[in-house]
């Protein structure tokens, strides 16, 4: 329930849509997801997915705005580095990188 485009060989790849499929047993109760600037990486991807679930209310403050997995590489001299090489989008095409996902209820 989100889209991403990894950076590969000098360009963004075609859009990859990631879906979450409901199981047989589903709750109809409201869900409250607590978020803050400490919410990053996998937590932020979960928050991005929650934008498509009407029963989820995000409470707190904007997330950190850091989504991508790390693209690890080693240089010829043995030094290692990691780069963010993906762009994540909501299903509506919104990009929250660097901005964070806002809470529905918060300061």
N, C-alpha and C. Protein backbone atom coordinates (compact mmCIF):
# COMPACT_ATOMS: atom_id res chain seq x y z
N UNK A 1 0.80 -1.17 0.00
CA UNK A 1 0.00 0.00 0.00
C UNK A 1 0.86 1.25 0.00
N UNK A 2 2.01 1.10 -0.64
CA UNK A 2 2.86 2.25 -0.91
C UNK A 2 3.64 1.94 -2.18
N UNK A 3 4.35 2.92 -2.68
CA UNK A 3 5.14 2.74 -3.90
C UNK A 3 6.57 3.17 -3.61
N UNK A 4 7.53 2.52 -4.28
CA UNK A 4 8.90 3.00 -4.18
C UNK A 4 9.61 2.83 -5.51
N UNK A 5 10.69 3.60 -5.65
CA UNK A 5 11.51 3.55 -6.85
C UNK A 5 12.97 3.56 -6.40
N UNK A 6 13.65 2.42 -6.47
CA UNK A 6 15.08 2.43 -6.14
C UNK A 6 15.90 3.12 -7.23
N UNK A 7 16.98 3.73 -6.80
CA UNK A 7 17.94 4.35 -7.72
C UNK A 7 18.90 3.25 -8.15
N UNK A 8 19.08 3.05 -9.45
CA UNK A 8 19.94 1.97 -9.94
C UNK A 8 20.60 2.40 -11.23
N UNK A 9 21.89 2.30 -11.28
CA UNK A 9 22.69 2.63 -12.46
C UNK A 9 22.35 4.00 -13.03
N UNK A 10 22.29 4.99 -12.14
CA UNK A 10 22.12 6.37 -12.58
C UNK A 10 20.70 6.83 -12.85
N UNK A 11 19.71 6.00 -12.53
CA UNK A 11 18.32 6.41 -12.77
C UNK A 11 17.39 5.69 -11.80
N UNK A 12 16.21 6.27 -11.60
CA UNK A 12 15.21 5.59 -10.79
C UNK A 12 14.58 4.46 -11.60
N UNK A 13 14.36 3.33 -10.96
CA UNK A 13 13.74 2.18 -11.63
C UNK A 13 12.25 2.45 -11.82
N UNK A 14 11.57 1.62 -12.59
CA UNK A 14 10.11 1.77 -12.68
C UNK A 14 9.48 1.61 -11.29
N UNK A 15 8.33 2.20 -11.13
CA UNK A 15 7.62 2.19 -9.86
C UNK A 15 7.30 0.77 -9.41
N UNK A 16 7.52 0.49 -8.13
CA UNK A 16 7.21 -0.79 -7.52
C UNK A 16 6.08 -0.56 -6.53
N UNK A 17 4.93 -1.19 -6.73
CA UNK A 17 3.81 -1.05 -5.80
C UNK A 17 3.85 -2.21 -4.80
N UNK A 18 3.74 -1.87 -3.52
CA UNK A 18 3.77 -2.86 -2.45
C UNK A 18 2.40 -2.86 -1.78
N UNK A 19 1.76 -4.02 -1.74
CA UNK A 19 0.41 -4.13 -1.18
C UNK A 19 0.42 -4.99 0.08
N UNK A 20 -0.48 -4.66 0.97
CA UNK A 20 -0.72 -5.43 2.17
C UNK A 20 -2.09 -6.06 1.99
N UNK A 21 -2.21 -7.36 2.14
CA UNK A 21 -3.49 -8.03 1.95
C UNK A 21 -4.09 -8.41 3.30
N UNK A 22 -5.36 -8.14 3.46
CA UNK A 22 -6.05 -8.43 4.70
C UNK A 22 -6.17 -9.93 4.91
N UNK A 23 -6.06 -10.35 6.15
CA UNK A 23 -6.25 -11.75 6.50
C UNK A 23 -7.72 -12.08 6.67
N UNK A 24 -7.98 -13.30 7.04
CA UNK A 24 -9.37 -13.73 7.22
C UNK A 24 -10.04 -13.03 8.40
N UNK A 25 -9.29 -12.84 9.47
CA UNK A 25 -9.84 -12.20 10.67
C UNK A 25 -9.40 -10.74 10.70
N UNK A 26 -10.35 -9.85 10.66
CA UNK A 26 -10.06 -8.43 10.66
C UNK A 26 -10.82 -7.73 11.77
N UNK A 27 -10.13 -6.84 12.43
CA UNK A 27 -10.77 -6.05 13.49
C UNK A 27 -11.50 -4.87 12.86
N UNK A 28 -12.62 -4.53 13.43
CA UNK A 28 -13.34 -3.34 12.99
C UNK A 28 -13.15 -2.20 13.99
N UNK A 29 -12.35 -2.45 15.02
CA UNK A 29 -12.09 -1.44 16.04
C UNK A 29 -11.12 -0.38 15.52
N UNK A 30 -11.19 0.83 16.05
CA UNK A 30 -10.23 1.85 15.65
C UNK A 30 -8.82 1.49 16.13
N UNK A 31 -7.82 1.92 15.38
CA UNK A 31 -6.43 1.69 15.73
C UNK A 31 -5.76 3.05 15.89
N UNK A 32 -4.98 3.20 16.96
CA UNK A 32 -4.26 4.45 17.22
C UNK A 32 -2.77 4.17 17.13
N UNK A 33 -2.12 4.81 16.19
CA UNK A 33 -0.69 4.61 15.95
C UNK A 33 0.06 5.82 16.49
N UNK A 34 0.94 5.59 17.47
CA UNK A 34 1.72 6.67 18.07
C UNK A 34 2.96 6.90 17.23
N UNK A 35 3.17 8.15 16.77
CA UNK A 35 4.32 8.48 15.95
C UNK A 35 5.01 9.73 16.50
N UNK A 36 6.29 9.89 16.15
CA UNK A 36 7.07 11.03 16.61
C UNK A 36 8.27 11.19 15.69
N UNK A 37 9.09 12.22 15.90
CA UNK A 37 10.33 12.35 15.12
C UNK A 37 11.29 11.18 15.35
N UNK A 38 11.04 10.37 16.36
CA UNK A 38 11.85 9.17 16.58
C UNK A 38 11.39 8.02 15.68
N UNK A 39 10.26 8.18 15.01
CA UNK A 39 9.75 7.16 14.09
C UNK A 39 10.47 7.31 12.76
N UNK A 40 11.26 6.30 12.40
CA UNK A 40 12.04 6.36 11.16
C UNK A 40 12.18 4.96 10.58
N UNK A 41 12.64 4.90 9.35
CA UNK A 41 12.95 3.65 8.67
C UNK A 41 11.73 2.74 8.59
N UNK A 42 11.82 1.52 9.14
CA UNK A 42 10.71 0.57 9.04
C UNK A 42 9.45 1.11 9.70
N UNK A 43 9.59 1.82 10.81
CA UNK A 43 8.44 2.41 11.48
C UNK A 43 7.75 3.41 10.56
N UNK A 44 8.55 4.15 9.82
CA UNK A 44 7.99 5.14 8.91
C UNK A 44 7.29 4.49 7.72
N UNK A 45 7.82 3.38 7.26
CA UNK A 45 7.17 2.65 6.17
C UNK A 45 5.83 2.08 6.65
N UNK A 46 5.79 1.61 7.89
CA UNK A 46 4.52 1.14 8.45
C UNK A 46 3.54 2.31 8.55
N UNK A 47 4.03 3.48 8.96
CA UNK A 47 3.17 4.67 9.04
C UNK A 47 2.67 5.07 7.66
N UNK A 48 3.54 4.98 6.66
CA UNK A 48 3.14 5.28 5.28
C UNK A 48 2.03 4.33 4.84
N UNK A 49 2.15 3.07 5.17
CA UNK A 49 1.12 2.08 4.84
C UNK A 49 -0.19 2.41 5.55
N UNK A 50 -0.11 2.92 6.77
CA UNK A 50 -1.32 3.21 7.55
C UNK A 50 -2.17 4.31 6.91
N UNK A 51 -1.59 5.10 6.02
CA UNK A 51 -2.36 6.17 5.36
C UNK A 51 -3.51 5.61 4.53
N UNK A 52 -3.42 4.34 4.14
CA UNK A 52 -4.44 3.71 3.31
C UNK A 52 -5.48 2.93 4.12
N UNK A 53 -5.35 2.95 5.45
CA UNK A 53 -6.26 2.18 6.29
C UNK A 53 -7.15 3.16 7.05
N UNK A 54 -8.41 3.25 6.69
CA UNK A 54 -9.30 4.27 7.28
C UNK A 54 -9.45 4.18 8.80
N UNK A 55 -9.30 3.01 9.39
CA UNK A 55 -9.52 2.86 10.83
C UNK A 55 -8.30 3.28 11.66
N UNK A 56 -7.19 3.69 11.00
CA UNK A 56 -5.98 4.09 11.73
C UNK A 56 -5.93 5.61 11.90
N UNK A 57 -5.72 6.04 13.14
CA UNK A 57 -5.50 7.45 13.45
C UNK A 57 -4.09 7.59 13.98
N UNK A 58 -3.30 8.45 13.37
CA UNK A 58 -1.92 8.68 13.79
C UNK A 58 -1.91 9.79 14.83
N UNK A 59 -1.32 9.50 16.00
CA UNK A 59 -1.31 10.44 17.12
C UNK A 59 0.14 10.77 17.47
N UNK A 60 0.42 12.04 17.72
CA UNK A 60 1.75 12.45 18.16
C UNK A 60 2.27 13.61 17.35
N UNK A 61 3.44 13.41 16.76
CA UNK A 61 4.08 14.46 15.97
C UNK A 61 4.62 13.83 14.69
N UNK A 62 4.97 14.65 13.76
CA UNK A 62 5.49 14.24 12.45
C UNK A 62 6.64 13.22 12.60
N UNK A 63 6.67 12.22 11.73
CA UNK A 63 7.78 11.25 11.74
C UNK A 63 9.06 11.91 11.24
N UNK A 64 10.17 11.19 11.28
CA UNK A 64 11.47 11.78 10.94
C UNK A 64 11.66 12.11 9.47
N UNK A 65 11.08 11.31 8.57
CA UNK A 65 11.25 11.56 7.14
C UNK A 65 12.42 10.80 6.54
N UNK A 66 12.69 9.60 7.08
CA UNK A 66 13.81 8.77 6.62
C UNK A 66 13.25 7.39 6.28
N UNK A 67 13.13 7.09 5.00
CA UNK A 67 12.43 5.87 4.58
C UNK A 67 13.33 4.78 4.01
N UNK A 68 14.30 5.12 3.23
CA UNK A 68 14.99 4.17 2.37
C UNK A 68 15.84 3.16 3.13
N UNK A 69 15.95 1.97 2.54
CA UNK A 69 16.92 1.00 3.01
C UNK A 69 18.32 1.53 2.67
N UNK A 70 19.33 0.96 3.27
CA UNK A 70 20.70 1.41 3.02
C UNK A 70 21.32 0.56 1.91
N UNK A 71 21.90 1.22 0.95
CA UNK A 71 22.62 0.59 -0.15
C UNK A 71 24.09 0.59 0.27
N UNK A 72 24.59 -0.56 0.75
CA UNK A 72 25.96 -0.68 1.27
C UNK A 72 26.95 -1.01 0.17
N UNK A 73 28.12 -0.37 0.24
CA UNK A 73 29.19 -0.64 -0.73
C UNK A 73 30.54 -0.53 -0.03
N UNK A 74 31.53 -1.19 -0.61
CA UNK A 74 32.90 -1.10 -0.12
C UNK A 74 33.78 -0.50 -1.21
N UNK A 75 34.60 0.46 -0.83
CA UNK A 75 35.51 1.11 -1.78
C UNK A 75 36.76 0.25 -1.95
N UNK A 76 37.53 0.46 -3.02
CA UNK A 76 38.74 -0.34 -3.25
C UNK A 76 39.73 -0.31 -2.08
N UNK A 77 39.74 0.78 -1.30
CA UNK A 77 40.67 0.85 -0.17
C UNK A 77 40.12 0.18 1.09
N UNK A 78 38.96 -0.46 1.00
CA UNK A 78 38.37 -1.18 2.12
C UNK A 78 37.38 -0.38 2.94
N UNK A 79 37.32 0.93 2.72
CA UNK A 79 36.33 1.73 3.45
C UNK A 79 34.92 1.37 2.98
N UNK A 80 33.98 1.40 3.90
CA UNK A 80 32.60 1.08 3.59
C UNK A 80 31.74 2.33 3.71
N UNK A 81 30.68 2.38 2.92
CA UNK A 81 29.73 3.48 3.01
C UNK A 81 28.34 2.97 2.69
N UNK A 82 27.35 3.74 3.10
CA UNK A 82 25.96 3.40 2.82
C UNK A 82 25.21 4.63 2.33
N UNK A 83 24.40 4.42 1.33
CA UNK A 83 23.62 5.51 0.75
C UNK A 83 22.14 5.14 0.75
N UNK A 84 21.31 6.14 0.86
CA UNK A 84 19.87 5.96 0.69
C UNK A 84 19.62 5.97 -0.82
N UNK A 85 19.08 4.90 -1.35
CA UNK A 85 18.91 4.82 -2.81
C UNK A 85 17.47 4.55 -3.26
N UNK A 86 16.50 4.85 -2.40
CA UNK A 86 15.12 4.61 -2.77
C UNK A 86 14.27 5.85 -2.48
N UNK A 87 13.23 6.02 -3.26
CA UNK A 87 12.25 7.07 -3.01
C UNK A 87 10.92 6.37 -2.73
N UNK A 88 10.32 6.69 -1.60
CA UNK A 88 9.04 6.10 -1.21
C UNK A 88 7.92 7.09 -1.42
N UNK A 89 6.76 6.60 -1.87
CA UNK A 89 5.59 7.43 -2.13
C UNK A 89 4.37 6.78 -1.50
N UNK A 90 3.41 7.59 -1.10
CA UNK A 90 2.11 7.04 -0.71
C UNK A 90 1.42 6.57 -1.99
N UNK A 91 0.31 5.88 -1.84
CA UNK A 91 -0.44 5.43 -3.02
C UNK A 91 -0.99 6.61 -3.81
N UNK A 92 -1.07 7.79 -3.17
CA UNK A 92 -1.53 9.00 -3.86
C UNK A 92 -0.36 9.76 -4.48
N UNK A 93 0.85 9.20 -4.39
CA UNK A 93 2.01 9.84 -5.01
C UNK A 93 2.71 10.86 -4.13
N UNK A 94 2.37 10.94 -2.84
CA UNK A 94 3.00 11.90 -1.94
C UNK A 94 4.33 11.36 -1.45
N UNK A 95 5.34 12.22 -1.41
CA UNK A 95 6.67 11.87 -0.95
C UNK A 95 6.93 12.61 0.36
N UNK A 96 7.20 11.88 1.42
CA UNK A 96 7.41 12.47 2.74
C UNK A 96 8.88 12.46 3.16
N UNK A 97 9.77 12.14 2.25
CA UNK A 97 11.21 12.10 2.55
C UNK A 97 11.67 13.48 3.04
N UNK A 98 12.34 13.50 4.18
CA UNK A 98 12.84 14.75 4.73
C UNK A 98 11.77 15.57 5.45
N UNK A 99 10.50 15.32 5.17
CA UNK A 99 9.40 16.05 5.79
C UNK A 99 8.78 15.28 6.95
N UNK A 100 8.66 13.98 6.76
CA UNK A 100 7.97 13.14 7.72
C UNK A 100 6.48 13.13 7.46
N UNK A 101 5.83 12.12 7.98
CA UNK A 101 4.38 11.96 7.84
C UNK A 101 3.72 12.66 9.02
N UNK A 102 2.79 13.57 8.77
CA UNK A 102 2.15 14.28 9.87
C UNK A 102 1.17 13.40 10.63
N UNK A 103 1.00 13.73 11.90
CA UNK A 103 0.00 13.04 12.73
C UNK A 103 -1.38 13.61 12.41
N UNK A 104 -2.41 12.79 12.64
CA UNK A 104 -3.78 13.26 12.51
C UNK A 104 -4.16 14.08 13.75
N UNK A 105 -3.62 13.69 14.90
CA UNK A 105 -3.88 14.37 16.17
C UNK A 105 -2.54 14.63 16.85
N UNK A 106 -2.28 15.87 17.18
CA UNK A 106 -1.01 16.19 17.83
C UNK A 106 -0.82 17.68 17.98
N UNK A 107 0.39 18.06 18.30
CA UNK A 107 0.67 19.47 18.57
C UNK A 107 0.40 20.40 17.38
